[in-house]
PDBML (XML) file of the C-alpha atoms, coordinates in Angstrom:
<?xml version="1.0" encoding="UTF-8" ?>
<PDBx:datablock datablockName="MODEL"
   xmlns:PDBx="http://pdbml.pdb.org/schema/pdbx-v50.xsd"
   xmlns:xsi="http://www.w3.org/2001/XMLSchema-instance"
   xsi:schemaLocation="http://pdbml.pdb.org/schema/pdbx-v50.xsd pdbx-v50.xsd">
   <PDBx:atom_siteCategory>
      <PDBx:atom_site id="1">
         <PDBx:B_iso_or_equiv>0.00</PDBx:B_iso_or_equiv>
         <PDBx:Cartn_x>5.383</PDBx:Cartn_x>
         <PDBx:Cartn_y>0.766</PDBx:Cartn_y>
         <PDBx:Cartn_z>-16.287</PDBx:Cartn_z>
         <PDBx:auth_asym_id>A</PDBx:auth_asym_id>
         <PDBx:auth_atom_id>CA</PDBx:auth_atom_id>
         <PDBx:auth_comp_id>UNK</PDBx:auth_comp_id>
         <PDBx:auth_seq_id>1</PDBx:auth_seq_id>
         <PDBx:group_PDB>ATOM</PDBx:group_PDB>
         <PDBx:label_alt_id xsi:nil="true" />
         <PDBx:label_asym_id>A</PDBx:label_asym_id>
         <PDBx:label_atom_id>CA</PDBx:label_atom_id>
         <PDBx:label_comp_id>UNK</PDBx:label_comp_id>
         <PDBx:label_entity_id>1</PDBx:label_entity_id>
         <PDBx:label_seq_id>1</PDBx:label_seq_id>
         <PDBx:occupancy>1.00</PDBx:occupancy>
         <PDBx:pdbx_PDB_model_num>1</PDBx:pdbx_PDB_model_num>
         <PDBx:type_symbol>C</PDBx:type_symbol>
      </PDBx:atom_site>
      <PDBx:atom_site id="2">
         <PDBx:B_iso_or_equiv>0.00</PDBx:B_iso_or_equiv>
         <PDBx:Cartn_x>8.717</PDBx:Cartn_x>
         <PDBx:Cartn_y>-0.404</PDBx:Cartn_y>
         <PDBx:Cartn_z>-14.918</PDBx:Cartn_z>
         <PDBx:auth_asym_id>A</PDBx:auth_asym_id>
         <PDBx:auth_atom_id>CA</PDBx:auth_atom_id>
         <PDBx:auth_comp_id>UNK</PDBx:auth_comp_id>
         <PDBx:auth_seq_id>2</PDBx:auth_seq_id>
         <PDBx:group_PDB>ATOM</PDBx:group_PDB>
         <PDBx:label_alt_id xsi:nil="true" />
         <PDBx:label_asym_id>A</PDBx:label_asym_id>
         <PDBx:label_atom_id>CA</PDBx:label_atom_id>
         <PDBx:label_comp_id>UNK</PDBx:label_comp_id>
         <PDBx:label_entity_id>1</PDBx:label_entity_id>
         <PDBx:label_seq_id>2</PDBx:label_seq_id>
         <PDBx:occupancy>1.00</PDBx:occupancy>
         <PDBx:pdbx_PDB_model_num>1</PDBx:pdbx_PDB_model_num>
         <PDBx:type_symbol>C</PDBx:type_symbol>
      </PDBx:atom_site>
      <PDBx:atom_site id="3">
         <PDBx:B_iso_or_equiv>0.00</PDBx:B_iso_or_equiv>
         <PDBx:Cartn_x>8.509</PDBx:Cartn_x>
         <PDBx:Cartn_y>2.366</PDBx:Cartn_y>
         <PDBx:Cartn_z>-12.304</PDBx:Cartn_z>
         <PDBx:auth_asym_id>A</PDBx:auth_asym_id>
         <PDBx:auth_atom_id>CA</PDBx:auth_atom_id>
         <PDBx:auth_comp_id>UNK</PDBx:auth_comp_id>
         <PDBx:auth_seq_id>3</PDBx:auth_seq_id>
         <PDBx:group_PDB>ATOM</PDBx:group_PDB>
         <PDBx:label_alt_id xsi:nil="true" />
         <PDBx:label_asym_id>A</PDBx:label_asym_id>
         <PDBx:label_atom_id>CA</PDBx:label_atom_id>
         <PDBx:label_comp_id>UNK</PDBx:label_comp_id>
         <PDBx:label_entity_id>1</PDBx:label_entity_id>
         <PDBx:label_seq_id>3</PDBx:label_seq_id>
         <PDBx:occupancy>1.00</PDBx:occupancy>
         <PDBx:pdbx_PDB_model_num>1</PDBx:pdbx_PDB_model_num>
         <PDBx:type_symbol>C</PDBx:type_symbol>
      </PDBx:atom_site>
      <PDBx:atom_site id="4">
         <PDBx:B_iso_or_equiv>0.00</PDBx:B_iso_or_equiv>
         <PDBx:Cartn_x>4.987</PDBx:Cartn_x>
         <PDBx:Cartn_y>1.354</PDBx:Cartn_y>
         <PDBx:Cartn_z>-11.212</PDBx:Cartn_z>
         <PDBx:auth_asym_id>A</PDBx:auth_asym_id>
         <PDBx:auth_atom_id>CA</PDBx:auth_atom_id>
         <PDBx:auth_comp_id>UNK</PDBx:auth_comp_id>
         <PDBx:auth_seq_id>4</PDBx:auth_seq_id>
         <PDBx:group_PDB>ATOM</PDBx:group_PDB>
         <PDBx:label_alt_id xsi:nil="true" />
         <PDBx:label_asym_id>A</PDBx:label_asym_id>
         <PDBx:label_atom_id>CA</PDBx:label_atom_id>
         <PDBx:label_comp_id>UNK</PDBx:label_comp_id>
         <PDBx:label_entity_id>1</PDBx:label_entity_id>
         <PDBx:label_seq_id>4</PDBx:label_seq_id>
         <PDBx:occupancy>1.00</PDBx:occupancy>
         <PDBx:pdbx_PDB_model_num>1</PDBx:pdbx_PDB_model_num>
         <PDBx:type_symbol>C</PDBx:type_symbol>
      </PDBx:atom_site>
      <PDBx:atom_site id="5">
         <PDBx:B_iso_or_equiv>0.00</PDBx:B_iso_or_equiv>
         <PDBx:Cartn_x>6.001</PDBx:Cartn_x>
         <PDBx:Cartn_y>-2.295</PDBx:Cartn_y>
         <PDBx:Cartn_z>-10.891</PDBx:Cartn_z>
         <PDBx:auth_asym_id>A</PDBx:auth_asym_id>
         <PDBx:auth_atom_id>CA</PDBx:auth_atom_id>
         <PDBx:auth_comp_id>UNK</PDBx:auth_comp_id>
         <PDBx:auth_seq_id>5</PDBx:auth_seq_id>
         <PDBx:group_PDB>ATOM</PDBx:group_PDB>
         <PDBx:label_alt_id xsi:nil="true" />
         <PDBx:label_asym_id>A</PDBx:label_asym_id>
         <PDBx:label_atom_id>CA</PDBx:label_atom_id>
         <PDBx:label_comp_id>UNK</PDBx:label_comp_id>
         <PDBx:label_entity_id>1</PDBx:label_entity_id>
         <PDBx:label_seq_id>5</PDBx:label_seq_id>
         <PDBx:occupancy>1.00</PDBx:occupancy>
         <PDBx:pdbx_PDB_model_num>1</PDBx:pdbx_PDB_model_num>
         <PDBx:type_symbol>C</PDBx:type_symbol>
      </PDBx:atom_site>
      <PDBx:atom_site id="6">
         <PDBx:B_iso_or_equiv>0.00</PDBx:B_iso_or_equiv>
         <PDBx:Cartn_x>9.147</PDBx:Cartn_x>
         <PDBx:Cartn_y>-1.471</PDBx:Cartn_y>
         <PDBx:Cartn_z>-8.928</PDBx:Cartn_z>
         <PDBx:auth_asym_id>A</PDBx:auth_asym_id>
         <PDBx:auth_atom_id>CA</PDBx:auth_atom_id>
         <PDBx:auth_comp_id>UNK</PDBx:auth_comp_id>
         <PDBx:auth_seq_id>6</PDBx:auth_seq_id>
         <PDBx:group_PDB>ATOM</PDBx:group_PDB>
         <PDBx:label_alt_id xsi:nil="true" />
         <PDBx:label_asym_id>A</PDBx:label_asym_id>
         <PDBx:label_atom_id>CA</PDBx:label_atom_id>
         <PDBx:label_comp_id>UNK</PDBx:label_comp_id>
         <PDBx:label_entity_id>1</PDBx:label_entity_id>
         <PDBx:label_seq_id>6</PDBx:label_seq_id>
         <PDBx:occupancy>1.00</PDBx:occupancy>
         <PDBx:pdbx_PDB_model_num>1</PDBx:pdbx_PDB_model_num>
         <PDBx:type_symbol>C</PDBx:type_symbol>
      </PDBx:atom_site>
      <PDBx:atom_site id="7">
         <PDBx:B_iso_or_equiv>0.00</PDBx:B_iso_or_equiv>
         <PDBx:Cartn_x>7.296</PDBx:Cartn_x>
         <PDBx:Cartn_y>0.899</PDBx:Cartn_y>
         <PDBx:Cartn_z>-6.592</PDBx:Cartn_z>
         <PDBx:auth_asym_id>A</PDBx:auth_asym_id>
         <PDBx:auth_atom_id>CA</PDBx:auth_atom_id>
         <PDBx:auth_comp_id>UNK</PDBx:auth_comp_id>
         <PDBx:auth_seq_id>7</PDBx:auth_seq_id>
         <PDBx:group_PDB>ATOM</PDBx:group_PDB>
         <PDBx:label_alt_id xsi:nil="true" />
         <PDBx:label_asym_id>A</PDBx:label_asym_id>
         <PDBx:label_atom_id>CA</PDBx:label_atom_id>
         <PDBx:label_comp_id>UNK</PDBx:label_comp_id>
         <PDBx:label_entity_id>1</PDBx:label_entity_id>
         <PDBx:label_seq_id>7</PDBx:label_seq_id>
         <PDBx:occupancy>1.00</PDBx:occupancy>
         <PDBx:pdbx_PDB_model_num>1</PDBx:pdbx_PDB_model_num>
         <PDBx:type_symbol>C</PDBx:type_symbol>
      </PDBx:atom_site>
      <PDBx:atom_site id="8">
         <PDBx:B_iso_or_equiv>0.00</PDBx:B_iso_or_equiv>
         <PDBx:Cartn_x>4.549</PDBx:Cartn_x>
         <PDBx:Cartn_y>-1.666</PDBx:Cartn_y>
         <PDBx:Cartn_z>-5.921</PDBx:Cartn_z>
         <PDBx:auth_asym_id>A</PDBx:auth_asym_id>
         <PDBx:auth_atom_id>CA</PDBx:auth_atom_id>
         <PDBx:auth_comp_id>UNK</PDBx:auth_comp_id>
         <PDBx:auth_seq_id>8</PDBx:auth_seq_id>
         <PDBx:group_PDB>ATOM</PDBx:group_PDB>
         <PDBx:label_alt_id xsi:nil="true" />
         <PDBx:label_asym_id>A</PDBx:label_asym_id>
         <PDBx:label_atom_id>CA</PDBx:label_atom_id>
         <PDBx:label_comp_id>UNK</PDBx:label_comp_id>
         <PDBx:label_entity_id>1</PDBx:label_entity_id>
         <PDBx:label_seq_id>8</PDBx:label_seq_id>
         <PDBx:occupancy>1.00</PDBx:occupancy>
         <PDBx:pdbx_PDB_model_num>1</PDBx:pdbx_PDB_model_num>
         <PDBx:type_symbol>C</PDBx:type_symbol>
      </PDBx:atom_site>
      <PDBx:atom_site id="9">
         <PDBx:B_iso_or_equiv>0.00</PDBx:B_iso_or_equiv>
         <PDBx:Cartn_x>7.181</PDBx:Cartn_x>
         <PDBx:Cartn_y>-4.252</PDBx:Cartn_y>
         <PDBx:Cartn_z>-5.060</PDBx:Cartn_z>
         <PDBx:auth_asym_id>A</PDBx:auth_asym_id>
         <PDBx:auth_atom_id>CA</PDBx:auth_atom_id>
         <PDBx:auth_comp_id>UNK</PDBx:auth_comp_id>
         <PDBx:auth_seq_id>9</PDBx:auth_seq_id>
         <PDBx:group_PDB>ATOM</PDBx:group_PDB>
         <PDBx:label_alt_id xsi:nil="true" />
         <PDBx:label_asym_id>A</PDBx:label_asym_id>
         <PDBx:label_atom_id>CA</PDBx:label_atom_id>
         <PDBx:label_comp_id>UNK</PDBx:label_comp_id>
         <PDBx:label_entity_id>1</PDBx:label_entity_id>
         <PDBx:label_seq_id>9</PDBx:label_seq_id>
         <PDBx:occupancy>1.00</PDBx:occupancy>
         <PDBx:pdbx_PDB_model_num>1</PDBx:pdbx_PDB_model_num>
         <PDBx:type_symbol>C</PDBx:type_symbol>
      </PDBx:atom_site>
      <PDBx:atom_site id="10">
         <PDBx:B_iso_or_equiv>0.00</PDBx:B_iso_or_equiv>
         <PDBx:Cartn_x>9.103</PDBx:Cartn_x>
         <PDBx:Cartn_y>-1.802</PDBx:Cartn_y>
         <PDBx:Cartn_z>-2.874</PDBx:Cartn_z>
         <PDBx:auth_asym_id>A</PDBx:auth_asym_id>
         <PDBx:auth_atom_id>CA</PDBx:auth_atom_id>
         <PDBx:auth_comp_id>UNK</PDBx:auth_comp_id>
         <PDBx:auth_seq_id>10</PDBx:auth_seq_id>
         <PDBx:group_PDB>ATOM</PDBx:group_PDB>
         <PDBx:label_alt_id xsi:nil="true" />
         <PDBx:label_asym_id>A</PDBx:label_asym_id>
         <PDBx:label_atom_id>CA</PDBx:label_atom_id>
         <PDBx:label_comp_id>UNK</PDBx:label_comp_id>
         <PDBx:label_entity_id>1</PDBx:label_entity_id>
         <PDBx:label_seq_id>10</PDBx:label_seq_id>
         <PDBx:occupancy>1.00</PDBx:occupancy>
         <PDBx:pdbx_PDB_model_num>1</PDBx:pdbx_PDB_model_num>
         <PDBx:type_symbol>C</PDBx:type_symbol>
      </PDBx:atom_site>
      <PDBx:atom_site id="11">
         <PDBx:B_iso_or_equiv>0.00</PDBx:B_iso_or_equiv>
         <PDBx:Cartn_x>5.878</PDBx:Cartn_x>
         <PDBx:Cartn_y>-0.864</PDBx:Cartn_y>
         <PDBx:Cartn_z>-1.041</PDBx:Cartn_z>
         <PDBx:auth_asym_id>A</PDBx:auth_asym_id>
         <PDBx:auth_atom_id>CA</PDBx:auth_atom_id>
         <PDBx:auth_comp_id>UNK</PDBx:auth_comp_id>
         <PDBx:auth_seq_id>11</PDBx:auth_seq_id>
         <PDBx:group_PDB>ATOM</PDBx:group_PDB>
         <PDBx:label_alt_id xsi:nil="true" />
         <PDBx:label_asym_id>A</PDBx:label_asym_id>
         <PDBx:label_atom_id>CA</PDBx:label_atom_id>
         <PDBx:label_comp_id>UNK</PDBx:label_comp_id>
         <PDBx:label_entity_id>1</PDBx:label_entity_id>
         <PDBx:label_seq_id>11</PDBx:label_seq_id>
         <PDBx:occupancy>1.00</PDBx:occupancy>
         <PDBx:pdbx_PDB_model_num>1</PDBx:pdbx_PDB_model_num>
         <PDBx:type_symbol>C</PDBx:type_symbol>
      </PDBx:atom_site>
      <PDBx:atom_site id="12">
         <PDBx:B_iso_or_equiv>0.00</PDBx:B_iso_or_equiv>
         <PDBx:Cartn_x>4.875</PDBx:Cartn_x>
         <PDBx:Cartn_y>-4.503</PDBx:Cartn_y>
         <PDBx:Cartn_z>-0.534</PDBx:Cartn_z>
         <PDBx:auth_asym_id>A</PDBx:auth_asym_id>
         <PDBx:auth_atom_id>CA</PDBx:auth_atom_id>
         <PDBx:auth_comp_id>UNK</PDBx:auth_comp_id>
         <PDBx:auth_seq_id>12</PDBx:auth_seq_id>
         <PDBx:group_PDB>ATOM</PDBx:group_PDB>
         <PDBx:label_alt_id xsi:nil="true" />
         <PDBx:label_asym_id>A</PDBx:label_asym_id>
         <PDBx:label_atom_id>CA</PDBx:label_atom_id>
         <PDBx:label_comp_id>UNK</PDBx:label_comp_id>
         <PDBx:label_entity_id>1</PDBx:label_entity_id>
         <PDBx:label_seq_id>12</PDBx:label_seq_id>
         <PDBx:occupancy>1.00</PDBx:occupancy>
         <PDBx:pdbx_PDB_model_num>1</PDBx:pdbx_PDB_model_num>
         <PDBx:type_symbol>C</PDBx:type_symbol>
      </PDBx:atom_site>
      <PDBx:atom_site id="13">
         <PDBx:B_iso_or_equiv>0.00</PDBx:B_iso_or_equiv>
         <PDBx:Cartn_x>6.183</PDBx:Cartn_x>
         <PDBx:Cartn_y>-6.871</PDBx:Cartn_y>
         <PDBx:Cartn_z>2.088</PDBx:Cartn_z>
         <PDBx:auth_asym_id>A</PDBx:auth_asym_id>
         <PDBx:auth_atom_id>CA</PDBx:auth_atom_id>
         <PDBx:auth_comp_id>UNK</PDBx:auth_comp_id>
         <PDBx:auth_seq_id>13</PDBx:auth_seq_id>
         <PDBx:group_PDB>ATOM</PDBx:group_PDB>
         <PDBx:label_alt_id xsi:nil="true" />
         <PDBx:label_asym_id>A</PDBx:label_asym_id>
         <PDBx:label_atom_id>CA</PDBx:label_atom_id>
         <PDBx:label_comp_id>UNK</PDBx:label_comp_id>
         <PDBx:label_entity_id>1</PDBx:label_entity_id>
         <PDBx:label_seq_id>13</PDBx:label_seq_id>
         <PDBx:occupancy>1.00</PDBx:occupancy>
         <PDBx:pdbx_PDB_model_num>1</PDBx:pdbx_PDB_model_num>
         <PDBx:type_symbol>C</PDBx:type_symbol>
      </PDBx:atom_site>
      <PDBx:atom_site id="14">
         <PDBx:B_iso_or_equiv>0.00</PDBx:B_iso_or_equiv>
         <PDBx:Cartn_x>8.569</PDBx:Cartn_x>
         <PDBx:Cartn_y>-8.446</PDBx:Cartn_y>
         <PDBx:Cartn_z>-0.443</PDBx:Cartn_z>
         <PDBx:auth_asym_id>A</PDBx:auth_asym_id>
         <PDBx:auth_atom_id>CA</PDBx:auth_atom_id>
         <PDBx:auth_comp_id>UNK</PDBx:auth_comp_id>
         <PDBx:auth_seq_id>14</PDBx:auth_seq_id>
         <PDBx:group_PDB>ATOM</PDBx:group_PDB>
         <PDBx:label_alt_id xsi:nil="true" />
         <PDBx:label_asym_id>A</PDBx:label_asym_id>
         <PDBx:label_atom_id>CA</PDBx:label_atom_id>
         <PDBx:label_comp_id>UNK</PDBx:label_comp_id>
         <PDBx:label_entity_id>1</PDBx:label_entity_id>
         <PDBx:label_seq_id>14</PDBx:label_seq_id>
         <PDBx:occupancy>1.00</PDBx:occupancy>
         <PDBx:pdbx_PDB_model_num>1</PDBx:pdbx_PDB_model_num>
         <PDBx:type_symbol>C</PDBx:type_symbol>
      </PDBx:atom_site>
      <PDBx:atom_site id="15">
         <PDBx:B_iso_or_equiv>0.00</PDBx:B_iso_or_equiv>
         <PDBx:Cartn_x>11.817</PDBx:Cartn_x>
         <PDBx:Cartn_y>-9.329</PDBx:Cartn_y>
         <PDBx:Cartn_z>1.254</PDBx:Cartn_z>
         <PDBx:auth_asym_id>A</PDBx:auth_asym_id>
         <PDBx:auth_atom_id>CA</PDBx:auth_atom_id>
         <PDBx:auth_comp_id>UNK</PDBx:auth_comp_id>
         <PDBx:auth_seq_id>15</PDBx:auth_seq_id>
         <PDBx:group_PDB>ATOM</PDBx:group_PDB>
         <PDBx:label_alt_id xsi:nil="true" />
         <PDBx:label_asym_id>A</PDBx:label_asym_id>
         <PDBx:label_atom_id>CA</PDBx:label_atom_id>
         <PDBx:label_comp_id>UNK</PDBx:label_comp_id>
         <PDBx:label_entity_id>1</PDBx:label_entity_id>
         <PDBx:label_seq_id>15</PDBx:label_seq_id>
         <PDBx:occupancy>1.00</PDBx:occupancy>
         <PDBx:pdbx_PDB_model_num>1</PDBx:pdbx_PDB_model_num>
         <PDBx:type_symbol>C</PDBx:type_symbol>
      </PDBx:atom_site>
      <PDBx:atom_site id="16">
         <PDBx:B_iso_or_equiv>0.00</PDBx:B_iso_or_equiv>
         <PDBx:Cartn_x>14.544</PDBx:Cartn_x>
         <PDBx:Cartn_y>-7.004</PDBx:Cartn_y>
         <PDBx:Cartn_z>0.041</PDBx:Cartn_z>
         <PDBx:auth_asym_id>A</PDBx:auth_asym_id>
         <PDBx:auth_atom_id>CA</PDBx:auth_atom_id>
         <PDBx:auth_comp_id>UNK</PDBx:auth_comp_id>
         <PDBx:auth_seq_id>16</PDBx:auth_seq_id>
         <PDBx:group_PDB>ATOM</PDBx:group_PDB>
         <PDBx:label_alt_id xsi:nil="true" />
         <PDBx:label_asym_id>A</PDBx:label_asym_id>
         <PDBx:label_atom_id>CA</PDBx:label_atom_id>
         <PDBx:label_comp_id>UNK</PDBx:label_comp_id>
         <PDBx:label_entity_id>1</PDBx:label_entity_id>
         <PDBx:label_seq_id>16</PDBx:label_seq_id>
         <PDBx:occupancy>1.00</PDBx:occupancy>
         <PDBx:pdbx_PDB_model_num>1</PDBx:pdbx_PDB_model_num>
         <PDBx:type_symbol>C</PDBx:type_symbol>
      </PDBx:atom_site>
      <PDBx:atom_site id="17">
         <PDBx:B_iso_or_equiv>0.00</PDBx:B_iso_or_equiv>
         <PDBx:Cartn_x>16.792</PDBx:Cartn_x>
         <PDBx:Cartn_y>-9.886</PDBx:Cartn_y>
         <PDBx:Cartn_z>-1.022</PDBx:Cartn_z>
         <PDBx:auth_asym_id>A</PDBx:auth_asym_id>
         <PDBx:auth_atom_id>CA</PDBx:auth_atom_id>
         <PDBx:auth_comp_id>UNK</PDBx:auth_comp_id>
         <PDBx:auth_seq_id>17</PDBx:auth_seq_id>
         <PDBx:group_PDB>ATOM</PDBx:group_PDB>
         <PDBx:label_alt_id xsi:nil="true" />
         <PDBx:label_asym_id>A</PDBx:label_asym_id>
         <PDBx:label_atom_id>CA</PDBx:label_atom_id>
         <PDBx:label_comp_id>UNK</PDBx:label_comp_id>
         <PDBx:label_entity_id>1</PDBx:label_entity_id>
         <PDBx:label_seq_id>17</PDBx:label_seq_id>
         <PDBx:occupancy>1.00</PDBx:occupancy>
         <PDBx:pdbx_PDB_model_num>1</PDBx:pdbx_PDB_model_num>
         <PDBx:type_symbol>C</PDBx:type_symbol>
      </PDBx:atom_site>
      <PDBx:atom_site id="18">
         <PDBx:B_iso_or_equiv>0.00</PDBx:B_iso_or_equiv>
         <PDBx:Cartn_x>14.297</PDBx:Cartn_x>
         <PDBx:Cartn_y>-10.696</PDBx:Cartn_y>
         <PDBx:Cartn_z>-3.792</PDBx:Cartn_z>
         <PDBx:auth_asym_id>A</PDBx:auth_asym_id>
         <PDBx:auth_atom_id>CA</PDBx:auth_atom_id>
         <PDBx:auth_comp_id>UNK</PDBx:auth_comp_id>
         <PDBx:auth_seq_id>18</PDBx:auth_seq_id>
         <PDBx:group_PDB>ATOM</PDBx:group_PDB>
         <PDBx:label_alt_id xsi:nil="true" />
         <PDBx:label_asym_id>A</PDBx:label_asym_id>
         <PDBx:label_atom_id>CA</PDBx:label_atom_id>
         <PDBx:label_comp_id>UNK</PDBx:label_comp_id>
         <PDBx:label_entity_id>1</PDBx:label_entity_id>
         <PDBx:label_seq_id>18</PDBx:label_seq_id>
         <PDBx:occupancy>1.00</PDBx:occupancy>
         <PDBx:pdbx_PDB_model_num>1</PDBx:pdbx_PDB_model_num>
         <PDBx:type_symbol>C</PDBx:type_symbol>
      </PDBx:atom_site>
      <PDBx:atom_site id="19">
         <PDBx:B_iso_or_equiv>0.00</PDBx:B_iso_or_equiv>
         <PDBx:Cartn_x>13.960</PDBx:Cartn_x>
         <PDBx:Cartn_y>-7.110</PDBx:Cartn_y>
         <PDBx:Cartn_z>-4.988</PDBx:Cartn_z>
         <PDBx:auth_asym_id>A</PDBx:auth_asym_id>
         <PDBx:auth_atom_id>CA</PDBx:auth_atom_id>
         <PDBx:auth_comp_id>UNK</PDBx:auth_comp_id>
         <PDBx:auth_seq_id>19</PDBx:auth_seq_id>
         <PDBx:group_PDB>ATOM</PDBx:group_PDB>
         <PDBx:label_alt_id xsi:nil="true" />
         <PDBx:label_asym_id>A</PDBx:label_asym_id>
         <PDBx:label_atom_id>CA</PDBx:label_atom_id>
         <PDBx:label_comp_id>UNK</PDBx:label_comp_id>
         <PDBx:label_entity_id>1</PDBx:label_entity_id>
         <PDBx:label_seq_id>19</PDBx:label_seq_id>
         <PDBx:occupancy>1.00</PDBx:occupancy>
         <PDBx:pdbx_PDB_model_num>1</PDBx:pdbx_PDB_model_num>
         <PDBx:type_symbol>C</PDBx:type_symbol>
      </PDBx:atom_site>
      <PDBx:atom_site id="20">
         <PDBx:B_iso_or_equiv>0.00</PDBx:B_iso_or_equiv>
         <PDBx:Cartn_x>16.614</PDBx:Cartn_x>
         <PDBx:Cartn_y>-6.103</PDBx:Cartn_y>
         <PDBx:Cartn_z>-7.519</PDBx:Cartn_z>
         <PDBx:auth_asym_id>A</PDBx:auth_asym_id>
         <PDBx:auth_atom_id>CA</PDBx:auth_atom_id>
         <PDBx:auth_comp_id>UNK</PDBx:auth_comp_id>
         <PDBx:auth_seq_id>20</PDBx:auth_seq_id>
         <PDBx:group_PDB>ATOM</PDBx:group_PDB>
         <PDBx:label_alt_id xsi:nil="true" />
         <PDBx:label_asym_id>A</PDBx:label_asym_id>
         <PDBx:label_atom_id>CA</PDBx:label_atom_id>
         <PDBx:label_comp_id>UNK</PDBx:label_comp_id>
         <PDBx:label_entity_id>1</PDBx:label_entity_id>
         <PDBx:label_seq_id>20</PDBx:label_seq_id>
         <PDBx:occupancy>1.00</PDBx:occupancy>
         <PDBx:pdbx_PDB_model_num>1</PDBx:pdbx_PDB_model_num>
         <PDBx:type_symbol>C</PDBx:type_symbol>
      </PDBx:atom_site>
      <PDBx:atom_site id="21">
         <PDBx:B_iso_or_equiv>0.00</PDBx:B_iso_or_equiv>
         <PDBx:Cartn_x>17.958</PDBx:Cartn_x>
         <PDBx:Cartn_y>-2.563</PDBx:Cartn_y>
         <PDBx:Cartn_z>-7.629</PDBx:Cartn_z>
         <PDBx:auth_asym_id>A</PDBx:auth_asym_id>
         <PDBx:auth_atom_id>CA</PDBx:auth_atom_id>
         <PDBx:auth_comp_id>UNK</PDBx:auth_comp_id>
         <PDBx:auth_seq_id>21</PDBx:auth_seq_id>
         <PDBx:group_PDB>ATOM</PDBx:group_PDB>
         <PDBx:label_alt_id xsi:nil="true" />
         <PDBx:label_asym_id>A</PDBx:label_asym_id>
         <PDBx:label_atom_id>CA</PDBx:label_atom_id>
         <PDBx:label_comp_id>UNK</PDBx:label_comp_id>
         <PDBx:label_entity_id>1</PDBx:label_entity_id>
         <PDBx:label_seq_id>21</PDBx:label_seq_id>
         <PDBx:occupancy>1.00</PDBx:occupancy>
         <PDBx:pdbx_PDB_model_num>1</PDBx:pdbx_PDB_model_num>
         <PDBx:type_symbol>C</PDBx:type_symbol>
      </PDBx:atom_site>
      <PDBx:atom_site id="22">
         <PDBx:B_iso_or_equiv>0.00</PDBx:B_iso_or_equiv>
         <PDBx:Cartn_x>15.929</PDBx:Cartn_x>
         <PDBx:Cartn_y>-0.017</PDBx:Cartn_y>
         <PDBx:Cartn_z>-9.555</PDBx:Cartn_z>
         <PDBx:auth_asym_id>A</PDBx:auth_asym_id>
         <PDBx:auth_atom_id>CA</PDBx:auth_atom_id>
         <PDBx:auth_comp_id>UNK</PDBx:auth_comp_id>
         <PDBx:auth_seq_id>22</PDBx:auth_seq_id>
         <PDBx:group_PDB>ATOM</PDBx:group_PDB>
         <PDBx:label_alt_id xsi:nil="true" />
         <PDBx:label_asym_id>A</PDBx:label_asym_id>
         <PDBx:label_atom_id>CA</PDBx:label_atom_id>
         <PDBx:label_comp_id>UNK</PDBx:label_comp_id>
         <PDBx:label_entity_id>1</PDBx:label_entity_id>
         <PDBx:label_seq_id>22</PDBx:label_seq_id>
         <PDBx:occupancy>1.00</PDBx:occupancy>
         <PDBx:pdbx_PDB_model_num>1</PDBx:pdbx_PDB_model_num>
         <PDBx:type_symbol>C</PDBx:type_symbol>
      </PDBx:atom_site>
      <PDBx:atom_site id="23">
         <PDBx:B_iso_or_equiv>0.00</PDBx:B_iso_or_equiv>
         <PDBx:Cartn_x>18.612</PDBx:Cartn_x>
         <PDBx:Cartn_y>0.145</PDBx:Cartn_y>
         <PDBx:Cartn_z>-12.276</PDBx:Cartn_z>
         <PDBx:auth_asym_id>A</PDBx:auth_asym_id>
         <PDBx:auth_atom_id>CA</PDBx:auth_atom_id>
         <PDBx:auth_comp_id>UNK</PDBx:auth_comp_id>
         <PDBx:auth_seq_id>23</PDBx:auth_seq_id>
         <PDBx:group_PDB>ATOM</PDBx:group_PDB>
         <PDBx:label_alt_id xsi:nil="true" />
         <PDBx:label_asym_id>A</PDBx:label_asym_id>
         <PDBx:label_atom_id>CA</PDBx:label_atom_id>
         <PDBx:label_comp_id>UNK</PDBx:label_comp_id>
         <PDBx:label_entity_id>1</PDBx:label_entity_id>
         <PDBx:label_seq_id>23</PDBx:label_seq_id>
         <PDBx:occupancy>1.00</PDBx:occupancy>
         <PDBx:pdbx_PDB_model_num>1</PDBx:pdbx_PDB_model_num>
         <PDBx:type_symbol>C</PDBx:type_symbol>
      </PDBx:atom_site>
      <PDBx:atom_site id="24">
         <PDBx:B_iso_or_equiv>0.00</PDBx:B_iso_or_equiv>
         <PDBx:Cartn_x>18.619</PDBx:Cartn_x>
         <PDBx:Cartn_y>-3.624</PDBx:Cartn_y>
         <PDBx:Cartn_z>-12.838</PDBx:Cartn_z>
         <PDBx:auth_asym_id>A</PDBx:auth_asym_id>
         <PDBx:auth_atom_id>CA</PDBx:auth_atom_id>
         <PDBx:auth_comp_id>UNK</PDBx:auth_comp_id>
         <PDBx:auth_seq_id>24</PDBx:auth_seq_id>
         <PDBx:group_PDB>ATOM</PDBx:group_PDB>
         <PDBx:label_alt_id xsi:nil="true" />
         <PDBx:label_asym_id>A</PDBx:label_asym_id>
         <PDBx:label_atom_id>CA</PDBx:label_atom_id>
         <PDBx:label_comp_id>UNK</PDBx:label_comp_id>
         <PDBx:label_entity_id>1</PDBx:label_entity_id>
         <PDBx:label_seq_id>24</PDBx:label_seq_id>
         <PDBx:occupancy>1.00</PDBx:occupancy>
         <PDBx:pdbx_PDB_model_num>1</PDBx:pdbx_PDB_model_num>
         <PDBx:type_symbol>C</PDBx:type_symbol>
      </PDBx:atom_site>
      <PDBx:atom_site id="25">
         <PDBx:B_iso_or_equiv>0.00</PDBx:B_iso_or_equiv>
         <PDBx:Cartn_x>14.843</PDBx:Cartn_x>
         <PDBx:Cartn_y>-4.106</PDBx:Cartn_y>
         <PDBx:Cartn_z>-12.689</PDBx:Cartn_z>
         <PDBx:auth_asym_id>A</PDBx:auth_asym_id>
         <PDBx:auth_atom_id>CA</PDBx:auth_atom_id>
         <PDBx:auth_comp_id>UNK</PDBx:auth_comp_id>
         <PDBx:auth_seq_id>25</PDBx:auth_seq_id>
         <PDBx:group_PDB>ATOM</PDBx:group_PDB>
         <PDBx:label_alt_id xsi:nil="true" />
         <PDBx:label_asym_id>A</PDBx:label_asym_id>
         <PDBx:label_atom_id>CA</PDBx:label_atom_id>
         <PDBx:label_comp_id>UNK</PDBx:label_comp_id>
         <PDBx:label_entity_id>1</PDBx:label_entity_id>
         <PDBx:label_seq_id>25</PDBx:label_seq_id>
         <PDBx:occupancy>1.00</PDBx:occupancy>
         <PDBx:pdbx_PDB_model_num>1</PDBx:pdbx_PDB_model_num>
         <PDBx:type_symbol>C</PDBx:type_symbol>
      </PDBx:atom_site>
   </PDBx:atom_siteCategory>
</PDBx:datablock>
């Protein structure tokens, strides 16, 4: 799901500049 993908990215070491906001994901 969108939520699972976002949470996996947020929990990873992905630099925050590459992670969009939850609402724009």
